[in-house]
């Protein structure tokens, strides 16, 4: 039996089929399972509600809203760009705060979220490749392929075929958090499990990895909801 808290669908309980022995009448089992996890459920539901409220208070994707990029809050400035066929995004340093200028071209039918995502994906790709260049030689590894995705449950992944994949949303957080995920996945090219040898390898490049892994866990809903999506899922099983 498994329960997940999906931000879009709420609390979802997955159980074995009725043909499984003992599961013809599952309601009492479900009630007991949820009752034993009531505190966990309430804690995570309350936290998600609080984080959603904080995210909404920043103004969403409207002109003047605040938007996190590279761990820092930027002011969004959105206006029309009559002289261009394609919308652009520019990061501008201000006296009091940095800004992201989104200029929407009339001929470009993309939504603000799509324009921002395309720009952020490109920056994430560059930042991740630079981080790989910094750490791969020291770790004595070389990935065969690197892809940038929008993974919903993991910030990065490594396959036995030496292929690495990373979430573009890492670029929304502090560079140190992105760097930690890159080191984590590179280390898997030498040690595939999560035993002491693996964590020792990670710590050789990022002694502070635990702090940044925790930062990503605590800000997961915020980063996944930055462009209007709300994708964090909390899970428990038995």
Protein backbone atom coordinates (compact mmCIF):
# COMPACT_ATOMS: atom_id res chain seq x y z
CA UNK A 1 0.00 0.00 0.00
CA UNK A 2 1.23 3.49 -0.84
CA UNK A 3 0.02 7.02 -0.23
CA UNK A 4 1.22 10.10 -2.08
CA UNK A 5 0.35 13.75 -1.64
CA UNK A 6 0.06 15.11 -5.13
CA UNK A 7 -0.24 18.93 -5.22
CA UNK A 8 -2.72 18.77 -8.10
CA UNK A 9 -4.76 15.66 -7.11
CA UNK A 10 -4.51 15.63 -3.33
CA UNK A 11 -4.02 12.48 -1.23
CA UNK A 12 -3.87 9.33 -3.37
CA UNK A 13 -3.81 5.81 -1.91
CA UNK A 14 -2.65 2.95 -4.12
CA UNK A 15 -3.57 -0.58 -3.03
CA UNK A 16 -3.27 -4.13 -4.41
CA UNK A 17 -6.10 -5.41 -6.63
CA UNK A 18 -9.17 -7.17 -5.13
CA UNK A 19 -7.90 -10.52 -6.43
CA UNK A 20 -5.01 -10.35 -3.95
CA UNK A 21 -5.59 -12.31 -0.77
CA UNK A 22 -6.96 -10.10 2.00
CA UNK A 23 -7.83 -7.18 -0.28
CA UNK A 24 -11.46 -7.95 -1.14
CA UNK A 25 -12.62 -5.35 1.42
CA UNK A 26 -9.83 -2.76 1.63
CA UNK A 27 -11.63 0.13 3.36
CA UNK A 28 -10.65 -0.81 6.96
CA UNK A 29 -7.04 -1.36 5.88
CA UNK A 30 -6.94 2.02 4.14
CA UNK A 31 -8.47 3.78 7.17
CA UNK A 32 -5.90 2.20 9.48
CA UNK A 33 -3.03 3.02 7.11
CA UNK A 34 -4.03 6.68 6.82
CA UNK A 35 -4.81 6.96 10.53
CA UNK A 36 -1.32 5.83 11.40
CA UNK A 37 0.09 8.52 9.10
CA UNK A 38 -2.29 11.35 9.96
CA UNK A 39 0.40 13.56 11.49
CA UNK A 40 2.64 13.05 8.44
CA UNK A 41 -0.24 13.86 6.08
CA UNK A 42 -1.28 16.99 7.95
CA UNK A 43 2.29 18.24 8.21
CA UNK A 44 2.99 17.94 4.50
CA UNK A 45 -0.41 19.27 3.44
CA UNK A 46 0.09 22.32 5.66
CA UNK A 47 3.60 22.89 4.34
CA UNK A 48 2.48 22.65 0.72
CA UNK A 49 -0.37 25.09 1.36
CA UNK A 50 2.01 27.55 3.02
CA UNK A 51 4.52 27.32 0.17
CA UNK A 52 1.79 27.78 -2.44
CA UNK A 53 0.56 30.89 -0.65
CA UNK A 54 4.10 32.32 -0.51
CA UNK A 55 4.61 31.59 -4.21
CA UNK A 56 1.32 33.25 -5.12
CA UNK A 57 2.19 36.30 -3.02
CA UNK A 58 5.21 36.95 -5.24
CA UNK A 59 2.87 37.78 -8.09
CA UNK A 60 3.16 34.80 -10.41
CA UNK A 61 4.37 35.73 -13.90
CA UNK A 62 3.04 39.27 -13.98
CA UNK A 63 4.99 42.46 -14.51
CA UNK A 64 6.47 43.51 -11.17
CA UNK A 65 6.40 40.01 -9.65
CA UNK A 66 9.44 38.46 -8.00
CA UNK A 67 11.07 35.40 -9.56
CA UNK A 68 13.90 33.24 -8.22
CA UNK A 69 16.88 32.74 -10.55
CA UNK A 70 20.26 31.33 -9.46
CA UNK A 71 18.97 31.41 -5.89
CA UNK A 72 18.28 35.16 -5.85
CA UNK A 73 14.98 36.95 -6.25
CA UNK A 74 14.68 39.07 -9.40
CA UNK A 75 11.98 41.54 -10.35
CA UNK A 76 10.10 40.51 -13.49
CA UNK A 77 9.61 43.25 -16.06
CA UNK A 78 7.32 42.27 -18.92
CA UNK A 79 6.59 44.50 -21.89
CA UNK A 80 6.08 44.43 -25.65
CA UNK A 81 8.92 44.44 -28.17
CA UNK A 82 7.68 45.91 -31.43
CA UNK A 83 10.99 45.65 -33.27
CA UNK A 84 11.56 41.89 -32.93
CA UNK A 85 9.96 38.76 -34.34
CA UNK A 86 10.89 36.67 -31.30
CA UNK A 87 10.49 37.34 -27.61
CA UNK A 88 13.62 37.80 -25.52
CA UNK A 89 14.72 37.63 -21.89
CA UNK A 90 17.53 39.76 -20.48
CA UNK A 91 18.99 39.79 -16.99
CA UNK A 92 19.66 43.36 -15.81
CA UNK A 93 21.47 44.43 -12.67
CA UNK A 94 19.62 47.18 -10.83
CA UNK A 95 20.66 49.48 -8.01
CA UNK A 96 18.38 47.83 -5.47
CA UNK A 97 17.65 44.44 -7.09
CA UNK A 98 18.35 42.47 -10.25
CA UNK A 99 15.65 42.21 -12.89
CA UNK A 100 14.59 39.82 -15.63
CA UNK A 101 13.27 41.75 -18.62
CA UNK A 102 10.87 39.74 -20.77
CA UNK A 103 10.07 41.47 -24.04
CA UNK A 104 7.20 39.84 -25.88
CA UNK A 105 7.23 40.09 -29.67
CA UNK A 106 3.76 40.44 -31.27
CA UNK A 107 4.58 37.71 -33.79
CA UNK A 108 5.67 35.29 -31.05
CA UNK A 109 2.60 33.38 -29.84
CA UNK A 110 4.34 31.80 -26.87
CA UNK A 111 3.14 32.46 -23.35
CA UNK A 112 5.40 34.26 -20.86
CA UNK A 113 6.03 30.93 -19.11
CA UNK A 114 7.22 29.32 -22.35
CA UNK A 115 9.51 32.25 -23.17
CA UNK A 116 11.05 32.13 -19.71
CA UNK A 117 11.41 28.35 -19.75
CA UNK A 118 13.29 28.39 -23.07
CA UNK A 119 15.67 31.03 -21.70
CA UNK A 120 16.15 29.20 -18.42
CA UNK A 121 16.79 25.86 -20.13
CA UNK A 122 19.62 27.40 -22.15
CA UNK A 123 21.19 28.88 -19.00
CA UNK A 124 20.78 25.58 -17.16
CA UNK A 125 22.50 23.70 -19.98
CA UNK A 126 25.47 26.08 -19.90
CA UNK A 127 25.75 26.02 -16.09
CA UNK A 128 25.54 22.22 -15.92
CA UNK A 129 28.14 21.74 -18.64
CA UNK A 130 30.51 24.13 -16.86
CA UNK A 131 30.01 22.23 -13.60
CA UNK A 132 30.72 18.93 -15.33
CA UNK A 133 33.92 20.37 -16.80
CA UNK A 134 35.01 21.48 -13.30
CA UNK A 135 34.46 18.12 -11.61
CA UNK A 136 34.66 15.28 -14.15
CA UNK A 137 38.45 15.22 -14.47
CA UNK A 138 38.97 15.32 -10.70
CA UNK A 139 36.50 12.43 -10.27
CA UNK A 140 38.13 10.50 -13.16
CA UNK A 141 34.89 10.10 -15.08
CA UNK A 142 33.52 11.12 -18.46
CA UNK A 143 29.79 10.93 -19.26
CA UNK A 144 28.84 9.65 -22.71
CA UNK A 145 25.74 11.86 -23.00
CA UNK A 146 24.14 14.76 -21.12
CA UNK A 147 20.52 15.81 -21.42
CA UNK A 148 18.48 18.61 -19.87
CA UNK A 149 14.92 17.63 -18.97
CA UNK A 150 12.03 18.57 -16.72
CA UNK A 151 12.20 15.62 -14.38
CA UNK A 152 9.41 15.62 -11.81
CA UNK A 153 10.81 13.47 -9.02
CA UNK A 154 14.60 13.75 -9.36
CA UNK A 155 16.98 16.64 -9.91
CA UNK A 156 19.38 14.41 -11.79
CA UNK A 157 19.94 10.83 -12.87
CA UNK A 158 22.77 8.62 -14.10
CA UNK A 159 22.39 5.43 -16.13
CA UNK A 160 24.73 2.46 -16.35
CA UNK A 161 25.22 3.53 -19.96
CA UNK A 162 27.01 6.63 -18.59
CA UNK A 163 24.19 8.94 -19.59
CA UNK A 164 23.41 11.86 -17.30
CA UNK A 165 20.15 13.80 -17.15
CA UNK A 166 19.44 16.96 -15.17
CA UNK A 167 16.41 19.11 -14.45
CA UNK A 168 16.62 22.57 -15.98
CA UNK A 169 14.97 23.88 -12.81
CA UNK A 170 18.28 23.55 -10.98
CA UNK A 171 19.21 26.91 -12.49
CA UNK A 172 16.49 28.53 -10.38
CA UNK A 173 18.30 27.58 -7.18
CA UNK A 174 21.71 28.65 -5.88
CA UNK A 175 24.69 27.62 -8.05
CA UNK A 176 25.96 25.53 -5.14
CA UNK A 177 22.81 23.37 -5.26
CA UNK A 178 23.22 22.79 -9.00
CA UNK A 179 26.89 21.99 -8.47
CA UNK A 180 25.99 19.44 -5.78
CA UNK A 181 23.60 17.57 -8.08
CA UNK A 182 26.21 17.51 -10.86
CA UNK A 183 28.82 16.05 -8.48
CA UNK A 184 26.26 13.51 -7.22
CA UNK A 185 25.51 12.20 -10.71
CA UNK A 186 29.14 12.23 -11.81
CA UNK A 187 30.03 10.21 -8.72
CA UNK A 188 27.51 7.59 -9.82
CA UNK A 189 29.64 6.93 -12.88
CA UNK A 190 32.18 5.44 -10.46
CA UNK A 191 29.93 4.14 -7.67
CA UNK A 192 26.37 3.31 -8.64
CA UNK A 193 24.90 2.81 -5.17
CA UNK A 194 24.60 5.15 -2.18
CA UNK A 195 26.99 3.48 0.22
CA UNK A 196 29.82 5.05 2.25
CA UNK A 197 32.22 4.96 -0.71
CA UNK A 198 29.76 6.94 -2.81
CA UNK A 199 29.16 9.66 -0.22
CA UNK A 200 32.89 9.92 0.45
CA UNK A 201 33.40 10.56 -3.25
CA UNK A 202 30.71 13.24 -3.31
CA UNK A 203 32.16 14.88 -0.21
CA UNK A 204 35.58 15.04 -1.83
CA UNK A 205 34.16 17.64 -4.22
CA UNK A 206 31.25 19.05 -2.19
CA UNK A 207 31.84 18.73 1.57
CA UNK A 208 28.63 20.73 2.04
CA UNK A 209 26.50 18.41 -0.11
CA UNK A 210 24.07 17.57 2.72
CA UNK A 211 23.17 21.23 3.17
CA UNK A 212 22.39 21.76 -0.53
CA UNK A 213 20.51 18.48 -0.88
CA UNK A 214 18.35 19.61 2.03
CA UNK A 215 17.88 23.05 0.40
CA UNK A 216 16.55 21.39 -2.74
CA UNK A 217 14.15 19.20 -0.75
CA UNK A 218 12.83 22.20 1.16
CA UNK A 219 12.37 24.32 -1.98
CA UNK A 220 11.15 21.59 -4.35
CA UNK A 221 7.56 22.80 -4.53
CA UNK A 222 8.71 26.37 -5.11
CA UNK A 223 11.05 25.45 -7.97
CA UNK A 224 8.54 23.14 -9.62
CA UNK A 225 5.83 25.78 -9.28
CA UNK A 226 7.93 28.67 -10.56
CA UNK A 227 6.22 28.79 -13.96
CA UNK A 228 2.78 27.86 -12.74
CA UNK A 229 3.33 24.10 -12.39
CA UNK A 230 2.98 22.45 -9.00
CA UNK A 231 4.72 19.11 -9.12
CA UNK A 232 6.15 18.06 -5.76
CA UNK A 233 4.91 14.68 -4.56
CA UNK A 234 5.35 13.40 -1.00
CA UNK A 235 5.19 9.62 -0.58
CA UNK A 236 4.86 6.99 2.14
CA UNK A 237 4.40 3.26 1.79
CA UNK A 238 3.89 0.03 3.72
